[in-house]
Each structure stands twice: as structure tokens, then as C-alpha cells.
Amino acid sequence: MSPIRQTIAKRLVEAQHNAALLTTFNEC
């Protein structure tokens, strides 16, 4: 894995583990 791909993977997992993520939707 290139360093960029490793960082992408690390940060995405970090976001899922360390933040309380919620998604809201709308349409325009």
C-alpha cells in the first residue's frame, strides 16, 4: 500500500472509532 493509501485507511478508521458520526439527508 502506498503511504497515501495507508493514511486514507488509517484516517477513515480513526474517524469511525473516535467520532460519534451521524448522517442526515435531504434533496434539492
PDB file of all heavy atoms in Angstrom:
ATOM      1  N   MET A   1       0.847  -1.187   0.000  1.00  0.00           N
ATOM      2  CA  MET A   1       0.000   0.000   0.000  1.00  0.00           C
ATOM      3  C   MET A   1       0.886   1.241   0.000  1.00  0.00           C
ATOM      4  O   MET A   1       1.858   1.320   0.751  1.00  0.00           O
ATOM      5  CB  MET A   1      -0.911   0.018   1.229  1.00  0.00           C
ATOM      6  CG  MET A   1      -1.964  -1.067   1.239  1.00  0.00           C
ATOM      7  SD  MET A   1      -2.932  -1.083   2.782  1.00  0.00           S
ATOM      8  CE  MET A   1      -3.814   0.473   2.636  1.00  0.00           C
ATOM      9  N   SER A   2       0.554   2.192  -0.830  1.00  0.00           N
ATOM     10  CA  SER A   2       1.319   3.434  -0.851  1.00  0.00           C
ATOM     11  C   SER A   2       1.057   4.196   0.440  1.00  0.00           C
ATOM     12  O   SER A   2       0.037   3.988   1.115  1.00  0.00           O
ATOM     13  CB  SER A   2       0.898   4.287  -2.048  1.00  0.00           C
ATOM     14  OG  SER A   2      -0.430   4.760  -1.877  1.00  0.00           O
ATOM     15  N   PRO A   3       1.943   5.098   0.822  1.00  0.00           N
ATOM     16  CA  PRO A   3       1.713   5.878   2.038  1.00  0.00           C
ATOM     17  C   PRO A   3       0.388   6.631   2.027  1.00  0.00           C
ATOM     18  O   PRO A   3      -0.268   6.757   3.052  1.00  0.00           O
ATOM     19  CB  PRO A   3       2.908   6.843   2.057  1.00  0.00           C
ATOM     20  CG  PRO A   3       3.983   6.107   1.332  1.00  0.00           C
ATOM     21  CD  PRO A   3       3.273   5.364   0.244  1.00  0.00           C
ATOM     22  N   ILE A   4       0.004   7.145   0.862  1.00  0.00           N
ATOM     23  CA  ILE A   4      -1.262   7.874   0.787  1.00  0.00           C
ATOM     24  C   ILE A   4      -2.420   6.939   1.082  1.00  0.00           C
ATOM     25  O   ILE A   4      -3.334   7.265   1.854  1.00  0.00           O
ATOM     26  CB  ILE A   4      -1.427   8.523  -0.600  1.00  0.00           C
ATOM     27  CG1 ILE A   4      -0.475   9.709  -0.743  1.00  0.00           C
ATOM     28  CG2 ILE A   4      -2.870   8.973  -0.824  1.00  0.00           C
ATOM     29  CD1 ILE A   4      -0.575  10.424  -2.054  1.00  0.00           C
ATOM     30  N   ARG A   5      -2.403   5.735   0.490  1.00  0.00           N
ATOM     31  CA  ARG A   5      -3.490   4.786   0.727  1.00  0.00           C
ATOM     32  C   ARG A   5      -3.487   4.325   2.187  1.00  0.00           C
ATOM     33  O   ARG A   5      -4.553   4.155   2.792  1.00  0.00           O
ATOM     34  CB  ARG A   5      -3.319   3.583  -0.211  1.00  0.00           C
ATOM     35  CG  ARG A   5      -4.339   2.471  -0.025  1.00  0.00           C
ATOM     36  CD  ARG A   5      -5.757   2.965  -0.089  1.00  0.00           C
ATOM     37  NE  ARG A   5      -6.075   3.618  -1.345  1.00  0.00           N
ATOM     38  CZ  ARG A   5      -7.232   4.212  -1.593  1.00  0.00           C
ATOM     39  NH1 ARG A   5      -8.170   4.260  -0.663  1.00  0.00           N
ATOM     40  NH2 ARG A   5      -7.444   4.796  -2.760  1.00  0.00           N
ATOM     41  N   GLN A   6      -2.322   4.152   2.783  1.00  0.00           N
ATOM     42  CA  GLN A   6      -2.242   3.786   4.200  1.00  0.00           C
ATOM     43  C   GLN A   6      -2.849   4.883   5.072  1.00  0.00           C
ATOM     44  O   GLN A   6      -3.557   4.600   6.038  1.00  0.00           O
ATOM     45  CB  GLN A   6      -0.785   3.545   4.598  1.00  0.00           C
ATOM     46  CG  GLN A   6      -0.153   2.314   3.962  1.00  0.00           C
ATOM     47  CD  GLN A   6       1.290   2.156   4.390  1.00  0.00           C
ATOM     48  OE1 GLN A   6       1.652   2.373   5.531  1.00  0.00           O
ATOM     49  NE2 GLN A   6       2.147   1.773   3.448  1.00  0.00           N
ATOM     50  N   THR A   7      -2.556   6.133   4.738  1.00  0.00           N
ATOM     51  CA  THR A   7      -3.092   7.242   5.517  1.00  0.00           C
ATOM     52  C   THR A   7      -4.598   7.347   5.365  1.00  0.00           C
ATOM     53  O   THR A   7      -5.318   7.610   6.334  1.00  0.00           O
ATOM     54  CB  THR A   7      -2.423   8.564   5.084  1.00  0.00           C
ATOM     55  OG1 THR A   7      -1.016   8.465   5.319  1.00  0.00           O
ATOM     56  CG2 THR A   7      -2.980   9.739   5.872  1.00  0.00           C
ATOM     57  N   ILE A   8      -5.095   7.153   4.132  1.00  0.00           N
ATOM     58  CA  ILE A   8      -6.538   7.179   3.911  1.00  0.00           C
ATOM     59  C   ILE A   8      -7.210   6.122   4.779  1.00  0.00           C
ATOM     60  O   ILE A   8      -8.209   6.384   5.465  1.00  0.00           O
ATOM     61  CB  ILE A   8      -6.861   6.940   2.421  1.00  0.00           C
ATOM     62  CG1 ILE A   8      -6.415   8.147   1.583  1.00  0.00           C
ATOM     63  CG2 ILE A   8      -8.355   6.688   2.229  1.00  0.00           C
ATOM     64  CD1 ILE A   8      -6.537   7.922   0.090  1.00  0.00           C
ATOM     65  N   ALA A   9      -6.656   4.905   4.773  1.00  0.00           N
ATOM     66  CA  ALA A   9      -7.227   3.819   5.564  1.00  0.00           C
ATOM     67  C   ALA A   9      -7.197   4.149   7.055  1.00  0.00           C
ATOM     68  O   ALA A   9      -8.181   3.955   7.776  1.00  0.00           O
ATOM     69  CB  ALA A   9      -6.458   2.519   5.296  1.00  0.00           C
ATOM     70  N   LYS A  10      -6.076   4.660   7.512  1.00  0.00           N
ATOM     71  CA  LYS A  10      -5.925   4.983   8.935  1.00  0.00           C
ATOM     72  C   LYS A  10      -6.900   6.055   9.382  1.00  0.00           C
ATOM     73  O   LYS A  10      -7.556   5.942  10.423  1.00  0.00           O
ATOM     74  CB  LYS A  10      -4.480   5.436   9.199  1.00  0.00           C
ATOM     75  CG  LYS A  10      -4.211   5.835  10.640  1.00  0.00           C
ATOM     76  CD  LYS A  10      -2.766   6.315  10.801  1.00  0.00           C
ATOM     77  CE  LYS A  10      -2.506   6.776  12.224  1.00  0.00           C
ATOM     78  NZ  LYS A  10      -1.103   7.274  12.385  1.00  0.00           N
ATOM     79  N   ARG A  11      -7.028   7.102   8.569  1.00  0.00           N
ATOM     80  CA  ARG A  11      -7.885   8.225   8.955  1.00  0.00           C
ATOM     81  C   ARG A  11      -9.366   7.854   8.901  1.00  0.00           C
ATOM     82  O   ARG A  11     -10.161   8.322   9.730  1.00  0.00           O
ATOM     83  CB  ARG A  11      -7.592   9.430   8.060  1.00  0.00           C
ATOM     84  CG  ARG A  11      -6.231  10.055   8.327  1.00  0.00           C
ATOM     85  CD  ARG A  11      -5.943  11.183   7.361  1.00  0.00           C
ATOM     86  NE  ARG A  11      -6.809  12.328   7.582  1.00  0.00           N
ATOM     87  CZ  ARG A  11      -6.579  13.282   8.475  1.00  0.00           C
ATOM     88  NH1 ARG A  11      -5.503  13.207   9.254  1.00  0.00           N
ATOM     89  NH2 ARG A  11      -7.394  14.305   8.593  1.00  0.00           N
ATOM     90  N   LEU A  12      -9.755   7.026   7.938  1.00  0.00           N
ATOM     91  CA  LEU A  12     -11.156   6.618   7.863  1.00  0.00           C
ATOM     92  C   LEU A  12     -11.544   5.764   9.064  1.00  0.00           C
ATOM     93  O   LEU A  12     -12.621   5.939   9.651  1.00  0.00           O
ATOM     94  CB  LEU A  12     -11.411   5.861   6.560  1.00  0.00           C
ATOM     95  CG  LEU A  12     -11.323   6.687   5.273  1.00  0.00           C
ATOM     96  CD1 LEU A  12     -11.597   5.813   4.059  1.00  0.00           C
ATOM     97  CD2 LEU A  12     -12.299   7.853   5.304  1.00  0.00           C
ATOM     98  N   VAL A  13     -10.665   4.842   9.453  1.00  0.00           N
ATOM     99  CA  VAL A  13     -10.940   4.016  10.633  1.00  0.00           C
ATOM    100  C   VAL A  13     -10.922   4.884  11.890  1.00  0.00           C
ATOM    101  O   VAL A  13     -11.755   4.722  12.791  1.00  0.00           O
ATOM    102  CB  VAL A  13      -9.912   2.879  10.740  1.00  0.00           C
ATOM    103  CG1 VAL A  13     -10.083   2.122  12.054  1.00  0.00           C
ATOM    104  CG2 VAL A  13     -10.066   1.915   9.568  1.00  0.00           C
ATOM    105  N   GLU A  14      -9.991   5.826  11.949  1.00  0.00           N
ATOM    106  CA  GLU A  14      -9.898   6.738  13.089  1.00  0.00           C
ATOM    107  C   GLU A  14     -11.194   7.530  13.245  1.00  0.00           C
ATOM    108  O   GLU A  14     -11.694   7.713  14.370  1.00  0.00           O
ATOM    109  CB  GLU A  14      -8.720   7.693  12.873  1.00  0.00           C
ATOM    110  CG  GLU A  14      -8.585   8.781  13.923  1.00  0.00           C
ATOM    111  CD  GLU A  14      -7.509   9.779  13.549  1.00  0.00           C
ATOM    112  OE1 GLU A  14      -6.528   9.381  12.885  1.00  0.00           O
ATOM    113  OE2 GLU A  14      -7.648  10.965  13.905  1.00  0.00           O
ATOM    114  N   ALA A  15     -11.739   7.996  12.113  1.00  0.00           N
ATOM    115  CA  ALA A  15     -12.982   8.767  12.172  1.00  0.00           C
ATOM    116  C   ALA A  15     -14.128   7.923  12.714  1.00  0.00           C
ATOM    117  O   ALA A  15     -14.946   8.396  13.508  1.00  0.00           O
ATOM    118  CB  ALA A  15     -13.318   9.304  10.785  1.00  0.00           C
ATOM    119  N   GLN A  16     -14.181   6.660  12.289  1.00  0.00           N
ATOM    120  CA  GLN A  16     -15.254   5.781  12.738  1.00  0.00           C
ATOM    121  C   GLN A  16     -15.140   5.457  14.230  1.00  0.00           C
ATOM    122  O   GLN A  16     -16.139   5.304  14.931  1.00  0.00           O
ATOM    123  CB  GLN A  16     -15.219   4.471  11.934  1.00  0.00           C
ATOM    124  CG  GLN A  16     -15.510   4.653  10.448  1.00  0.00           C
ATOM    125  CD  GLN A  16     -16.990   4.759  10.136  1.00  0.00           C
ATOM    126  OE1 GLN A  16     -17.749   5.290  10.914  1.00  0.00           O
ATOM    127  NE2 GLN A  16     -17.398   4.247   8.993  1.00  0.00           N
ATOM    128  N   HIS A  17     -13.917   5.352  14.730  1.00  0.00           N
ATOM    129  CA  HIS A  17     -13.688   4.949  16.120  1.00  0.00           C
ATOM    130  C   HIS A  17     -13.755   6.114  17.105  1.00  0.00           C
ATOM    131  O   HIS A  17     -14.176   5.940  18.255  1.00  0.00           O
ATOM    132  CB  HIS A  17     -12.326   4.262  16.251  1.00  0.00           C
ATOM    133  CG  HIS A  17     -12.312   2.887  15.653  1.00  0.00           C
ATOM    134  ND1 HIS A  17     -11.178   2.101  15.625  1.00  0.00           N
ATOM    135  CD2 HIS A  17     -13.283   2.159  15.053  1.00  0.00           C
ATOM    136  CE1 HIS A  17     -11.455   0.944  15.040  1.00  0.00           C
ATOM    137  NE2 HIS A  17     -12.727   0.966  14.686  1.00  0.00           N
ATOM    138  N   ASN A  18     -13.309   7.299  16.668  1.00  0.00           N
ATOM    139  CA  ASN A  18     -13.125   8.403  17.606  1.00  0.00           C
ATOM    140  C   ASN A  18     -14.206   9.477  17.552  1.00  0.00           C
ATOM    141  O   ASN A  18     -14.187  10.408  18.360  1.00  0.00           O
ATOM    142  CB  ASN A  18     -11.760   9.071  17.372  1.00  0.00           C
ATOM    143  CG  ASN A  18     -10.611   8.114  17.615  1.00  0.00           C
ATOM    144  OD1 ASN A  18     -10.742   7.153  18.366  1.00  0.00           O
ATOM    145  ND2 ASN A  18      -9.482   8.364  16.989  1.00  0.00           N
ATOM    146  N   ALA A  19     -15.106   9.380  16.591  1.00  0.00           N
ATOM    147  CA  ALA A  19     -16.157  10.385  16.484  1.00  0.00           C
ATOM    148  C   ALA A  19     -17.526   9.712  16.531  1.00  0.00           C
ATOM    149  O   ALA A  19     -17.668   8.535  16.189  1.00  0.00           O
ATOM    150  CB  ALA A  19     -16.006  11.174  15.176  1.00  0.00           C
ATOM    151  N   ALA A  20     -18.528  10.494  16.971  1.00  0.00           N
ATOM    152  CA  ALA A  20     -19.904   9.986  17.006  1.00  0.00           C
ATOM    153  C   ALA A  20     -20.587  10.441  15.720  1.00  0.00           C
ATOM    154  O   ALA A  20     -21.216  11.504  15.665  1.00  0.00           O
ATOM    155  CB  ALA A  20     -20.636  10.530  18.229  1.00  0.00           C
ATOM    156  N   LEU A  21     -20.442   9.657  14.662  1.00  0.00           N
ATOM    157  CA  LEU A  21     -20.890  10.067  13.336  1.00  0.00           C
ATOM    158  C   LEU A  21     -22.367   9.753  13.115  1.00  0.00           C
ATOM    159  O   LEU A  21     -22.849   8.674  13.459  1.00  0.00           O
ATOM    160  CB  LEU A  21     -20.049   9.382  12.260  1.00  0.00           C
ATOM    161  CG  LEU A  21     -18.545   9.665  12.295  1.00  0.00           C
ATOM    162  CD1 LEU A  21     -17.850   8.983  11.128  1.00  0.00           C
ATOM    163  CD2 LEU A  21     -18.279  11.160  12.273  1.00  0.00           C
ATOM    164  N   LEU A  22     -23.038  10.705  12.522  1.00  0.00           N
ATOM    165  CA  LEU A  22     -24.445  10.555  12.175  1.00  0.00           C
ATOM    166  C   LEU A  22     -24.660  11.253  10.842  1.00  0.00           C
ATOM    167  O   LEU A  22     -24.023  12.275  10.561  1.00  0.00           O
ATOM    168  CB  LEU A  22     -25.333  11.177  13.256  1.00  0.00           C
ATOM    169  CG  LEU A  22     -26.839  10.929  13.157  1.00  0.00           C
ATOM    170  CD1 LEU A  22     -27.154   9.441  13.305  1.00  0.00           C
ATOM    171  CD2 LEU A  22     -27.582  11.729  14.231  1.00  0.00           C
ATOM    172  N   THR A  23     -25.538  10.718  10.015  1.00  0.00           N
ATOM    173  CA  THR A  23     -25.794  11.297   8.698  1.00  0.00           C
ATOM    174  C   THR A  23     -27.260  11.679   8.569  1.00  0.00           C
ATOM    175  O   THR A  23     -28.146  10.903   8.928  1.00  0.00           O
ATOM    176  CB  THR A  23     -25.422  10.315   7.575  1.00  0.00           C
ATOM    177  OG1 THR A  23     -24.055   9.918   7.714  1.00  0.00           O
ATOM    178  CG2 THR A  23     -25.610  10.955   6.204  1.00  0.00           C
ATOM    179  N   THR A  24     -27.496  12.883   8.064  1.00  0.00           N
ATOM    180  CA  THR A  24     -28.856  13.331   7.762  1.00  0.00           C
ATOM    181  C   THR A  24     -28.948  13.624   6.272  1.00  0.00           C
ATOM    182  O   THR A  24     -27.944  13.991   5.638  1.00  0.00           O
ATOM    183  CB  THR A  24     -29.223  14.585   8.585  1.00  0.00           C
ATOM    184  OG1 THR A  24     -30.595  14.916   8.338  1.00  0.00           O
ATOM    185  CG2 THR A  24     -28.360  15.776   8.218  1.00  0.00           C
ATOM    186  N   PHE A  25     -30.138  13.443   5.712  1.00  0.00           N
ATOM    187  CA  PHE A  25     -30.312  13.535   4.257  1.00  0.00           C
ATOM    188  C   PHE A  25     -31.363  14.586   3.894  1.00  0.00           C
ATOM    189  O   PHE A  25     -32.256  14.900   4.684  1.00  0.00           O
ATOM    190  CB  PHE A  25     -30.743  12.185   3.680  1.00  0.00           C
ATOM    191  CG  PHE A  25     -29.802  11.053   3.976  1.00  0.00           C
ATOM    192  CD1 PHE A  25     -30.005  10.219   5.060  1.00  0.00           C
ATOM    193  CD2 PHE A  25     -28.697  10.824   3.170  1.00  0.00           C
ATOM    194  CE1 PHE A  25     -29.142   9.183   5.336  1.00  0.00           C
ATOM    195  CE2 PHE A  25     -27.824   9.794   3.436  1.00  0.00           C
ATOM    196  CZ  PHE A  25     -28.043   8.959   4.531  1.00  0.00           C
ATOM    197  N   ASN A  26     -31.242  15.080   2.684  1.00  0.00           N
ATOM    198  CA  ASN A  26     -32.247  15.957   2.104  1.00  0.00           C
ATOM    199  C   ASN A  26     -32.102  15.862   0.592  1.00  0.00           C
ATOM    200  O   ASN A  26     -31.207  15.150   0.092  1.00  0.00           O
ATOM    201  CB  ASN A  26     -32.075  17.405   2.581  1.00  0.00           C
ATOM    202  CG  ASN A  26     -33.399  18.138   2.673  1.00  0.00           C
ATOM    203  OD1 ASN A  26     -34.271  17.979   1.810  1.00  0.00           O
ATOM    204  ND2 ASN A  26     -33.559  18.933   3.727  1.00  0.00           N
ATOM    205  N   GLU A  27     -32.949  16.533  -0.133  1.00  0.00           N
ATOM    206  CA  GLU A  27     -32.838  16.567  -1.584  1.00  0.00           C
ATOM    207  C   GLU A  27     -33.077  17.990  -2.046  1.00  0.00           C
ATOM    208  O   GLU A  27     -33.753  18.775  -1.370  1.00  0.00           O
ATOM    209  CB  GLU A  27     -33.841  15.620  -2.243  1.00  0.00           C
ATOM    210  CG  GLU A  27     -35.284  15.949  -1.970  1.00  0.00           C
ATOM    211  CD  GLU A  27     -36.243  14.992  -2.666  1.00  0.00           C
ATOM    212  OE1 GLU A  27     -35.768  14.125  -3.416  1.00  0.00           O
ATOM    213  OE2 GLU A  27     -37.458  15.143  -2.457  1.00  0.00           O
ATOM    214  N   CYS A  28     -32.482  18.339  -3.180  1.00  0.00           N
ATOM    215  CA  CYS A  28     -32.677  19.692  -3.680  1.00  0.00           C
ATOM    216  C   CYS A  28     -32.974  19.664  -5.167  1.00  0.00           C
ATOM    217  O   CYS A  28     -32.498  18.793  -5.907  1.00  0.00           O
ATOM    218  CB  CYS A  28     -31.476  20.580  -3.377  1.00  0.00           C
ATOM    219  SG  CYS A  28     -29.934  20.057  -4.146  1.00  0.00           S
TER     220      CYS A  28
END
